[in-house]
Amino acid sequence: MQIVTDSGTDFQHSPEKMEGFEVHVVPLVVTLEGKSYREGIDIQADEFYRLLAATDDLPVTSQPSVGTFVETYRRLAATDAEILSIHISSGLSGTYNAAQAAAGQVPEANVTVVDTKTLSAAAGWQVEAAVRGMSAGWSKEQILDLMANIGDASDSLYTLSELKYLIHGGRISHMKGLIASLLNIKPMIGVEKEGGTYVQKGQTRTFKGAVKGLVDLMAKQHAPGSALRVQVLYSHNPEGAEMLREQVDQRFDCTWLPVGPMSLVLGAHTGPSMVGVAYAPLEVIAEMP
């Protein structure tokens, strides 16, 4: 079996890629000033944010094309027809639907497409679970069950200083976004599990207050001192990420994964100020082989 994912799962931040096993990453696409870039191929995060800072243009993002997935599945099927294709939430991106459409056009491949119902680090943990299960010789059914358990146990929370990117991308109501911008509100955003869409969990007037609010929200789910796996990612705000990491570390018994930049295409939705945290009970993560 072979594993395919997209660049929005941020699998590159997983603690290890199993030796001798390759995850095939299909890039998401961002367009800025009329030029389109494939993430990780045509553009890297630092260059993207440099270009973003130098223009008044707002970025537009898009999922990989059906044709890109068709080409990927056909190429992989030539060596192993069993493919597990794991993607960011269908509630936030058309990537899962493009992969589903492509799977129907490649009869020589047996493609199982998985909707993680989340994105970034939390989605990457599901990819990691698949890789670990695959490397341990688990069946596809066992791997899918493990991924579902990891997905059920994992949560993500985000905050950001400016709302214009979310408003532009249509991820929040233009009217609510306009009012929030006028009031200088900093939202606390989660990802609900049924549809895999953004939900507002609260709001404050300051970024520092929003960071504390994220940790308070975590503490409503998990008692302070709980043993958690935690990962903090950011768009282009390492200082904010470090502030979030320090506050989480003070409240929980954390097993930390590396702090780092998230997918630049996801960052294009939120703007450079965004920071986020993914977390799950360590006992569930321990189910991974």
C-alpha atoms as a PDB file:
ATOM      1  CA  MET A   1       0.000   0.000   0.000  1.00  0.00           C
ATOM      2  CA  GLN A   2       1.116   3.555  -0.761  1.00  0.00           C
ATOM      3  CA  ILE A   3       0.120   6.752   1.028  1.00  0.00           C
ATOM      4  CA  VAL A   4      -0.787  10.037  -0.672  1.00  0.00           C
ATOM      5  CA  THR A   5      -1.565  13.292   1.110  1.00  0.00           C
ATOM      6  CA  ASP A   6      -1.685  17.011   0.316  1.00  0.00           C
ATOM      7  CA  SER A   7       0.577  19.794   1.559  1.00  0.00           C
ATOM      8  CA  GLY A   8      -2.176  21.149   3.834  1.00  0.00           C
ATOM      9  CA  THR A   9      -1.762  18.243   6.269  1.00  0.00           C
ATOM     10  CA  ASP A  10       1.668  19.577   7.326  1.00  0.00           C
ATOM     11  CA  PHE A  11       2.955  16.033   7.575  1.00  0.00           C
ATOM     12  CA  GLN A  12       6.533  17.339   7.310  1.00  0.00           C
ATOM     13  CA  HIS A  13       6.292  18.358  10.987  1.00  0.00           C
ATOM     14  CA  SER A  14       5.604  14.814  12.170  1.00  0.00           C
ATOM     15  CA  PRO A  15       8.286  13.499  14.524  1.00  0.00           C
ATOM     16  CA  GLU A  16       9.538  10.923  12.103  1.00  0.00           C
ATOM     17  CA  LYS A  17       8.986   9.646   8.625  1.00  0.00           C
ATOM     18  CA  MET A  18       9.304   5.900   8.720  1.00  0.00           C
ATOM     19  CA  GLU A  19      12.615   4.822   7.274  1.00  0.00           C
ATOM     20  CA  GLY A  20      12.300   3.435   3.776  1.00  0.00           C
ATOM     21  CA  PHE A  21       8.718   4.640   3.397  1.00  0.00           C
ATOM     22  CA  GLU A  22       7.703   7.619   1.288  1.00  0.00           C
ATOM     23  CA  VAL A  23       4.568   9.704   1.651  1.00  0.00           C
ATOM     24  CA  HIS A  24       3.563  11.205  -1.705  1.00  0.00           C
ATOM     25  CA  VAL A  25       2.567  14.844  -1.172  1.00  0.00           C
ATOM     26  CA  VAL A  26       0.334  16.567  -3.744  1.00  0.00           C
ATOM     27  CA  PRO A  27       0.787  20.365  -3.502  1.00  0.00           C
ATOM     28  CA  LEU A  28      -1.952  22.875  -2.852  1.00  0.00           C
ATOM     29  CA  VAL A  29      -1.854  26.006  -5.030  1.00  0.00           C
ATOM     30  CA  VAL A  30      -1.759  29.715  -4.159  1.00  0.00           C
ATOM     31  CA  THR A  31      -2.200  32.580  -6.623  1.00  0.00           C
ATOM     32  CA  LEU A  32      -0.817  36.043  -5.896  1.00  0.00           C
ATOM     33  CA  GLU A  33      -0.781  38.972  -8.312  1.00  0.00           C
ATOM     34  CA  GLY A  34      -2.034  36.695 -11.074  1.00  0.00           C
ATOM     35  CA  LYS A  35       0.748  34.110 -10.725  1.00  0.00           C
ATOM     36  CA  SER A  36       0.045  30.612  -9.421  1.00  0.00           C
ATOM     37  CA  TYR A  37       2.501  28.636  -7.314  1.00  0.00           C
ATOM     38  CA  ARG A  38       2.503  25.003  -6.220  1.00  0.00           C
ATOM     39  CA  GLU A  39       3.371  24.859  -2.551  1.00  0.00           C
ATOM     40  CA  GLY A  40       6.799  23.428  -1.838  1.00  0.00           C
ATOM     41  CA  ILE A  41       7.619  23.193  -5.550  1.00  0.00           C
ATOM     42  CA  ASP A  42       7.325  26.675  -7.043  1.00  0.00           C
ATOM     43  CA  ILE A  43       7.423  28.633  -3.781  1.00  0.00           C
ATOM     44  CA  GLN A  44       8.440  28.246  -0.139  1.00  0.00           C
ATOM     45  CA  ALA A  45       6.865  29.924   2.888  1.00  0.00           C
ATOM     46  CA  ASP A  46       9.479  32.660   3.431  1.00  0.00           C
ATOM     47  CA  GLU A  47       9.257  33.802  -0.180  1.00  0.00           C
ATOM     48  CA  PHE A  48       5.458  33.753  -0.124  1.00  0.00           C
ATOM     49  CA  TYR A  49       5.203  35.996   2.934  1.00  0.00           C
ATOM     50  CA  ARG A  50       7.845  38.338   1.496  1.00  0.00           C
ATOM     51  CA  LEU A  51       5.745  38.700  -1.665  1.00  0.00           C
ATOM     52  CA  LEU A  52       2.577  39.092   0.397  1.00  0.00           C
ATOM     53  CA  ALA A  53       4.098  41.925   2.432  1.00  0.00           C
ATOM     54  CA  ALA A  54       5.108  43.746  -0.738  1.00  0.00           C
ATOM     55  CA  THR A  55       1.661  43.841  -2.348  1.00  0.00           C
ATOM     56  CA  ASP A  56      -1.866  45.034  -1.632  1.00  0.00           C
ATOM     57  CA  ASP A  57      -3.178  42.041  -3.573  1.00  0.00           C
ATOM     58  CA  LEU A  58      -4.873  39.307  -1.568  1.00  0.00           C
ATOM     59  CA  PRO A  59      -3.995  35.668  -2.267  1.00  0.00           C
ATOM     60  CA  VAL A  60      -6.360  33.122  -3.765  1.00  0.00           C
ATOM     61  CA  THR A  61      -5.917  29.445  -2.963  1.00  0.00           C
ATOM     62  CA  SER A  62      -7.044  26.323  -4.785  1.00  0.00           C
ATOM     63  CA  GLN A  63      -6.959  22.581  -4.351  1.00  0.00           C
ATOM     64  CA  PRO A  64      -4.886  20.342  -6.620  1.00  0.00           C
ATOM     65  CA  SER A  65      -6.643  19.590  -9.873  1.00  0.00           C
ATOM     66  CA  VAL A  66      -8.354  16.283 -10.544  1.00  0.00           C
ATOM     67  CA  GLY A  67      -5.775  15.752 -13.289  1.00  0.00           C
ATOM     68  CA  THR A  68      -2.912  16.097 -10.817  1.00  0.00           C
ATOM     69  CA  PHE A  69      -4.414  13.383  -8.640  1.00  0.00           C
ATOM     70  CA  VAL A  70      -5.089  11.175 -11.691  1.00  0.00           C
ATOM     71  CA  GLU A  71      -1.440  11.445 -12.733  1.00  0.00           C
ATOM     72  CA  THR A  72      -0.274  10.675  -9.189  1.00  0.00           C
ATOM     73  CA  TYR A  73      -2.514   7.621  -8.789  1.00  0.00           C
ATOM     74  CA  ARG A  74      -1.590   6.223 -12.210  1.00  0.00           C
ATOM     75  CA  ARG A  75       2.117   6.639 -11.554  1.00  0.00           C
ATOM     76  CA  LEU A  76       1.885   4.936  -8.176  1.00  0.00           C
ATOM     77  CA  ALA A  77      -0.417   2.147  -9.397  1.00  0.00           C
ATOM     78  CA  ALA A  78       2.324   1.035 -11.764  1.00  0.00           C
ATOM     79  CA  THR A  79       4.202  -0.326  -8.733  1.00  0.00           C
ATOM     80  CA  ASP A  80       1.442  -0.868  -6.130  1.00  0.00           C
ATOM     81  CA  ALA A  81      -2.265  -0.477  -6.885  1.00  0.00           C
ATOM     82  CA  GLU A  82      -3.317  -0.173  -3.227  1.00  0.00           C
ATOM     83  CA  ILE A  83      -3.384   3.551  -2.347  1.00  0.00           C
ATOM     84  CA  LEU A  84      -4.518   5.359   0.787  1.00  0.00           C
ATOM     85  CA  SER A  85      -5.127   9.054  -0.003  1.00  0.00           C
ATOM     86  CA  ILE A  86      -5.487  11.251   3.122  1.00  0.00           C
ATOM     87  CA  HIS A  87      -6.618  14.873   2.854  1.00  0.00           C
ATOM     88  CA  ILE A  88      -7.540  18.065   4.693  1.00  0.00           C
ATOM     89  CA  SER A  89     -11.155  18.673   5.580  1.00  0.00           C
ATOM     90  CA  SER A  90     -13.729  18.676   2.802  1.00  0.00           C
ATOM     91  CA  GLY A  91     -15.471  21.372   4.830  1.00  0.00           C
ATOM     92  CA  LEU A  92     -12.591  23.776   4.199  1.00  0.00           C
ATOM     93  CA  SER A  93     -11.145  22.679   0.853  1.00  0.00           C
ATOM     94  CA  GLY A  94     -12.130  20.932  -2.369  1.00  0.00           C
ATOM     95  CA  THR A  95      -9.038  18.711  -2.154  1.00  0.00           C
ATOM     96  CA  TYR A  96     -10.892  15.638  -0.862  1.00  0.00           C
ATOM     97  CA  ASN A  97     -13.520  15.945  -3.612  1.00  0.00           C
ATOM     98  CA  ALA A  98     -10.836  16.295  -6.297  1.00  0.00           C
ATOM     99  CA  ALA A  99      -9.129  13.161  -4.977  1.00  0.00           C
ATOM    100  CA  GLN A 100     -12.454  11.271  -4.983  1.00  0.00           C
ATOM    101  CA  ALA A 101     -13.149  12.299  -8.573  1.00  0.00           C
ATOM    102  CA  ALA A 102      -9.662  11.262  -9.652  1.00  0.00           C
ATOM    103  CA  ALA A 103      -9.938   7.876  -7.942  1.00  0.00           C
ATOM    104  CA  GLY A 104     -12.923   7.092 -10.165  1.00  0.00           C
ATOM    105  CA  GLN A 105     -10.841   7.793 -13.258  1.00  0.00           C
ATOM    106  CA  VAL A 106      -8.008   5.397 -12.409  1.00  0.00           C
ATOM    107  CA  PRO A 107      -9.538   1.908 -12.484  1.00  0.00           C
ATOM    108  CA  GLU A 108      -6.115   0.266 -12.300  1.00  0.00           C
ATOM    109  CA  ALA A 109      -5.707   1.678  -8.766  1.00  0.00           C
ATOM    110  CA  ASN A 110      -7.628   0.754  -5.619  1.00  0.00           C
ATOM    111  CA  VAL A 111      -7.772   4.185  -3.981  1.00  0.00           C
ATOM    112  CA  THR A 112      -9.265   4.749  -0.526  1.00  0.00           C
ATOM    113  CA  VAL A 113      -9.777   8.483   0.025  1.00  0.00           C
ATOM    114  CA  VAL A 114      -9.936   9.715   3.635  1.00  0.00           C
ATOM    115  CA  ASP A 115     -11.388  13.023   4.800  1.00  0.00           C
ATOM    116  CA  THR A 116      -9.508  13.948   8.000  1.00  0.00           C
ATOM    117  CA  LYS A 117     -12.178  16.575   8.845  1.00  0.00           C
ATOM    118  CA  THR A 118      -9.334  18.816  10.011  1.00  0.00           C
ATOM    119  CA  LEU A 119      -6.140  20.398   8.684  1.00  0.00           C
ATOM    120  CA  SER A 120      -2.503  21.207   9.410  1.00  0.00           C
ATOM    121  CA  ALA A 121      -0.851  19.369  12.314  1.00  0.00           C
ATOM    122  CA  ALA A 122      -3.947  17.438  13.429  1.00  0.00           C
ATOM    123  CA  ALA A 123      -4.404  16.117   9.882  1.00  0.00           C
ATOM    124  CA  GLY A 124      -0.692  15.299   9.752  1.00  0.00           C
ATOM    125  CA  TRP A 125      -1.099  13.127  12.827  1.00  0.00           C
ATOM    126  CA  GLN A 126      -3.584  10.987  10.919  1.00  0.00           C
ATOM    127  CA  VAL A 127      -1.075  10.649   8.085  1.00  0.00           C
ATOM    128  CA  GLU A 128       1.552   9.696  10.662  1.00  0.00           C
ATOM    129  CA  ALA A 129      -0.795   7.058  12.081  1.00  0.00           C
ATOM    130  CA  ALA A 130      -1.232   5.570   8.606  1.00  0.00           C
ATOM    131  CA  VAL A 131       2.524   5.479   8.024  1.00  0.00           C
ATOM    132  CA  ARG A 132       3.198   3.857  11.373  1.00  0.00           C
ATOM    133  CA  GLY A 133       0.458   1.285  10.872  1.00  0.00           C
ATOM    134  CA  MET A 134       1.693   0.539   7.381  1.00  0.00           C
ATOM    135  CA  SER A 135       5.268   0.133   8.604  1.00  0.00           C
ATOM    136  CA  ALA A 136       4.063  -2.246  11.340  1.00  0.00           C
ATOM    137  CA  GLY A 137       2.299  -4.411   8.766  1.00  0.00           C
ATOM    138  CA  TRP A 138      -1.243  -3.551   9.841  1.00  0.00           C
ATOM    139  CA  SER A 139      -4.181  -4.153   7.515  1.00  0.00           C
ATOM    140  CA  LYS A 140      -5.899  -1.240   5.804  1.00  0.00           C
ATOM    141  CA  GLU A 141      -8.939  -1.697   8.045  1.00  0.00           C
ATOM    142  CA  GLN A 142      -6.775  -1.529  11.185  1.00  0.00           C
ATOM    143  CA  ILE A 143      -5.061   1.612   9.864  1.00  0.00           C
ATOM    144  CA  LEU A 144      -8.379   3.305   9.090  1.00  0.00           C
ATOM    145  CA  ASP A 145      -9.653   2.507  12.598  1.00  0.00           C
ATOM    146  CA  LEU A 146      -6.472   3.946  14.120  1.00  0.00           C
ATOM    147  CA  MET A 147      -6.761   7.115  12.025  1.00  0.00           C
ATOM    148  CA  ALA A 148     -10.380   7.533  13.111  1.00  0.00           C
ATOM    149  CA  ASN A 149      -9.395   7.187  16.774  1.00  0.00           C
ATOM    150  CA  ILE A 150      -6.616   9.740  16.387  1.00  0.00           C
ATOM    151  CA  GLY A 151      -8.985  12.096  14.560  1.00  0.00           C
ATOM    152  CA  ASP A 152     -11.678  11.778  17.235  1.00  0.00           C
ATOM    153  CA  ALA A 153      -9.194  12.505  20.011  1.00  0.00           C
ATOM    154  CA  SER A 154      -7.359  15.407  18.353  1.00  0.00           C
ATOM    155  CA  ASP A 155      -8.410  19.044  18.339  1.00  0.00           C
ATOM    156  CA  SER A 156      -7.080  22.285  16.868  1.00  0.00           C
ATOM    157  CA  LEU A 157      -7.471  25.902  17.943  1.00  0.00           C
ATOM    158  CA  TYR A 158      -6.291  29.066  16.183  1.00  0.00           C
ATOM    159  CA  THR A 159      -6.139  32.794  16.671  1.00  0.00           C
ATOM    160  CA  LEU A 160      -4.922  35.728  14.593  1.00  0.00           C
ATOM    161  CA  SER A 161      -4.540  39.494  14.701  1.00  0.00           C
ATOM    162  CA  GLU A 162      -6.168  40.505  11.415  1.00  0.00           C
ATOM    163  CA  LEU A 163      -9.339  39.210   9.783  1.00  0.00           C
ATOM    164  CA  LYS A 164      -9.089  40.498   6.206  1.00  0.00           C
ATOM    165  CA  TYR A 165      -7.660  37.234   4.862  1.00  0.00           C
ATOM    166  CA  LEU A 166     -10.401  35.080   6.395  1.00  0.00           C
ATOM    167  CA  ILE A 167     -13.018  37.530   5.134  1.00  0.00           C
ATOM    168  CA  HIS A 168     -11.505  37.574   1.635  1.00  0.00           C
ATOM    169  CA  GLY A 169     -11.386  33.781   1.515  1.00  0.00           C
ATOM    170  CA  GLY A 170     -15.041  33.476   2.520  1.00  0.00           C
ATOM    171  CA  ARG A 171     -14.192  31.348   5.553  1.00  0.00           C
ATOM    172  CA  ILE A 172     -16.195  33.661   7.823  1.00  0.00           C
ATOM    173  CA  SER A 173     -19.227  35.808   7.166  1.00  0.00           C
ATOM    174  CA  HIS A 174     -18.314  39.087   5.489  1.00  0.00           C
ATOM    175  CA  MET A 175     -20.736  40.963   7.721  1.00  0.00           C
ATOM    176  CA  LYS A 176     -19.494  39.392  10.941  1.00  0.00           C
ATOM    177  CA  GLY A 177     -15.944  39.833   9.758  1.00  0.00           C
ATOM    178  CA  LEU A 178     -16.507  43.497   8.978  1.00  0.00           C
ATOM    179  CA  ILE A 179     -17.998  44.140  12.406  1.00  0.00           C
ATOM    180  CA  ALA A 180     -15.178  42.250  14.103  1.00  0.00           C
ATOM    181  CA  SER A 181     -12.574  44.235  12.144  1.00  0.00           C
ATOM    182  CA  LEU A 182     -14.159  47.512  13.211  1.00  0.00           C
ATOM    183  CA  LEU A 183     -14.136  46.369  16.833  1.00  0.00           C
ATOM    184  CA  ASN A 184     -10.563  45.065  16.521  1.00  0.00           C
ATOM    185  CA  ILE A 185     -11.658  41.652  17.783  1.00  0.00           C
ATOM    186  CA  LYS A 186      -9.264  38.701  17.888  1.00  0.00           C
ATOM    187  CA  PRO A 187     -11.240  35.481  17.337  1.00  0.00           C
ATOM    188  CA  MET A 188     -10.570  32.066  18.801  1.00  0.00           C
ATOM    189  CA  ILE A 189     -11.322  29.488  16.112  1.00  0.00           C
ATOM    190  CA  GLY A 190     -11.724  25.723  16.282  1.00  0.00           C
ATOM    191  CA  VAL A 191     -12.534  22.979  13.766  1.00  0.00           C
ATOM    192  CA  GLU A 192     -15.752  21.067  14.436  1.00  0.00           C
ATOM    193  CA  LYS A 193     -15.654  17.345  13.749  1.00  0.00           C
ATOM    194  CA  GLU A 194     -18.922  16.623  11.945  1.00  0.00           C
ATOM    195  CA  GLY A 195     -18.404  18.825   8.897  1.00  0.00           C
ATOM    196  CA  GLY A 196     -14.788  19.786   9.469  1.00  0.00           C
ATOM    197  CA  THR A 197     -15.494  23.522   9.284  1.00  0.00           C
ATOM    198  CA  TYR A 198     -14.300  26.516  11.297  1.00  0.00           C
ATOM    199  CA  VAL A 199     -16.295  27.484  14.374  1.00  0.00           C
ATOM    200  CA  GLN A 200     -15.792  30.541  16.539  1.00  0.00           C
ATOM    201  CA  LYS A 201     -15.004  29.572  20.126  1.00  0.00           C
ATOM    202  CA  GLY A 202     -14.724  33.067  21.554  1.00  0.00           C
ATOM    203  CA  GLN A 203     -13.149  36.452  21.012  1.00  0.00           C
ATOM    204  CA  THR A 204     -11.049  39.038  22.820  1.00  0.00           C
ATOM    205  CA  ARG A 205      -9.723  42.523  22.136  1.00  0.00           C
ATOM    206  CA  THR A 206      -6.012  41.620  22.226  1.00  0.00           C
ATOM    207  CA  PHE A 207      -3.831  38.957  20.623  1.00  0.00           C
ATOM    208  CA  LYS A 208      -2.258  38.143  23.996  1.00  0.00           C
ATOM    209  CA  GLY A 209      -5.729  37.659  25.465  1.00  0.00           C
ATOM    210  CA  ALA A 210      -6.680  35.383  22.577  1.00  0.00           C
ATOM    211  CA  VAL A 211      -3.600  33.217  23.137  1.00  0.00           C
ATOM    212  CA  LYS A 212      -4.559  32.834  26.805  1.00  0.00           C
ATOM    213  CA  GLY A 213      -8.119  32.099  25.657  1.00  0.00           C
ATOM    214  CA  LEU A 214      -6.922  29.186  23.520  1.00  0.00           C
ATOM    215  CA  VAL A 215      -5.204  27.630  26.527  1.00  0.00           C
ATOM    216  CA  ASP A 216      -8.310  28.192  28.649  1.00  0.00           C
ATOM    217  CA  LEU A 217     -10.360  26.382  25.984  1.00  0.00           C
ATOM    218  CA  MET A 218      -7.929  23.458  26.104  1.00  0.00           C
ATOM    219  CA  ALA A 219      -8.343  23.361  29.891  1.00  0.00           C
ATOM    220  CA  LYS A 220     -12.122  23.023  29.499  1.00  0.00           C
ATOM    221  CA  GLN A 221     -11.538  19.765  27.600  1.00  0.00           C
ATOM    222  CA  HIS A 222      -8.565  18.418  29.517  1.00  0.00           C
ATOM    223  CA  ALA A 223      -7.829  18.987  33.203  1.00  0.00           C
ATOM    224  CA  PRO A 224      -4.716  21.067  33.869  1.00  0.00           C
ATOM    225  CA  GLY A 225      -1.771  18.725  34.246  1.00  0.00           C
ATOM    226  CA  SER A 226      -3.196  16.197  31.773  1.00  0.00           C
ATOM    227  CA  ALA A 227      -0.697  14.311  29.640  1.00  0.00           C
ATOM    228  CA  LEU A 228      -1.129  15.624  26.107  1.00  0.00           C
ATOM    229  CA  ARG A 229       0.636  15.441  22.783  1.00  0.00           C
ATOM    230  CA  VAL A 230       0.862  19.050  21.594  1.00  0.00           C
ATOM    231  CA  GLN A 231       2.118  20.857  18.520  1.00  0.00           C
ATOM    232  CA  VAL A 232       2.144  24.601  17.843  1.00  0.00           C
ATOM    233  CA  LEU A 233       2.334  25.851  14.260  1.00  0.00           C
ATOM    234  CA  TYR A 234       2.143  29.368  12.833  1.00  0.00           C
ATOM    235  CA  SER A 235       1.790  31.108   9.508  1.00  0.00           C
ATOM    236  CA  HIS A 236       4.488  33.800   9.819  1.00  0.00           C
ATOM    237  CA  ASN A 237       4.427  34.638  13.530  1.00  0.00           C
ATOM    238  CA  PRO A 238       7.112  32.684  15.440  1.00  0.00           C
ATOM    239  CA  GLU A 239       6.945  35.092  18.384  1.00  0.00           C
ATOM    240  CA  GLY A 240       3.224  34.469  18.816  1.00  0.00           C
ATOM    241  CA  ALA A 241       3.820  30.734  18.496  1.00  0.00           C
ATOM    242  CA  GLU A 242       6.417  30.813  21.267  1.00  0.00           C
ATOM    243  CA  MET A 243       4.004  32.741  23.503  1.00  0.00           C
ATOM    244  CA  LEU A 244       1.357  30.063  22.906  1.00  0.00           C
ATOM    245  CA  ARG A 245       3.802  27.222  23.492  1.00  0.00           C
ATOM    246  CA  GLU A 246       4.959  28.675  26.825  1.00  0.00           C
ATOM    247  CA  GLN A 247       1.414  29.087  28.107  1.00  0.00           C
ATOM    248  CA  VAL A 248       0.370  25.570  27.090  1.00  0.00           C
ATOM    249  CA  ASP A 249       3.507  24.149  28.698  1.00  0.00           C
ATOM    250  CA  GLN A 250       2.626  25.825  32.000  1.00  0.00           C
ATOM    251  CA  ARG A 251      -0.804  24.186  32.173  1.00  0.00           C
ATOM    252  CA  PHE A 252      -0.303  20.629  30.877  1.00  0.00           C
ATOM    253  CA  ASP A 253       2.119  17.703  30.949  1.00  0.00           C
ATOM    254  CA  CYS A 254       3.153  18.071  27.314  1.00  0.00           C
ATOM    255  CA  THR A 255       4.853  15.742  24.908  1.00  0.00           C
ATOM    256  CA  TRP A 256       5.941  18.310  22.341  1.00  0.00           C
ATOM    257  CA  LEU A 257       6.300  17.994  18.609  1.00  0.00           C
ATOM    258  CA  PRO A 258       8.402  20.593  16.787  1.00  0.00           C
ATOM    259  CA  VAL A 259       7.092  24.150  16.530  1.00  0.00           C
ATOM    260  CA  GLY A 260       7.204  25.342  12.934  1.00  0.00           C
ATOM    261  CA  PRO A 261       5.494  27.091  10.019  1.00  0.00           C
ATOM    262  CA  MET A 262       2.267  25.613   8.708  1.00  0.00           C
ATOM    263  CA  SER A 263       1.316  25.185   5.058  1.00  0.00           C
ATOM    264  CA  LEU A 264       1.687  28.532   3.314  1.00  0.00           C
ATOM    265  CA  VAL A 265      -1.601  27.902   1.506  1.00  0.00           C
ATOM    266  CA  LEU A 266      -3.368  27.568   4.842  1.00  0.00           C
ATOM    267  CA  GLY A 267      -1.517  30.693   5.954  1.00  0.00           C
ATOM    268  CA  ALA A 268      -2.847  32.481   2.883  1.00  0.00           C
ATOM    269  CA  HIS A 269      -6.365  31.919   4.295  1.00  0.00           C
ATOM    270  CA  THR A 270      -5.496  33.442   7.651  1.00  0.00           C
ATOM    271  CA  GLY A 271      -2.687  35.914   6.989  1.00  0.00           C
ATOM    272  CA  PRO A 272       0.762  36.050   8.570  1.00  0.00           C
ATOM    273  CA  SER A 273      -0.383  36.690  12.169  1.00  0.00           C
ATOM    274  CA  MET A 274      -2.031  33.308  12.775  1.00  0.00           C
ATOM    275  CA  VAL A 275      -0.884  30.813  15.431  1.00  0.00           C
ATOM    276  CA  GLY A 276      -2.492  27.474  16.200  1.00  0.00           C
ATOM    277  CA  VAL A 277      -2.238  24.476  18.487  1.00  0.00           C
ATOM    278  CA  ALA A 278      -3.097  20.815  17.904  1.00  0.00           C
ATOM    279  CA  TYR A 279      -3.503  18.535  20.922  1.00  0.00           C
ATOM    280  CA  ALA A 280      -4.700  15.090  21.971  1.00  0.00           C
ATOM    281  CA  PRO A 281      -4.536  12.848  25.052  1.00  0.00           C
ATOM    282  CA  LEU A 282      -1.212  11.037  25.075  1.00  0.00           C
ATOM    283  CA  GLU A 283      -2.944   7.735  25.877  1.00  0.00           C
ATOM    284  CA  VAL A 284      -4.720   7.801  22.505  1.00  0.00           C
ATOM    285  CA  ILE A 285      -1.560   8.688  20.621  1.00  0.00           C
ATOM    286  CA  ALA A 286       0.065   5.693  22.340  1.00  0.00           C
ATOM    287  CA  GLU A 287      -2.207   3.454  20.237  1.00  0.00           C
ATOM    288  CA  MET A 288       0.106   4.151  17.278  1.00  0.00           C
ATOM    289  CA  PRO A 289       2.614   1.331  16.724  1.00  0.00           C
END
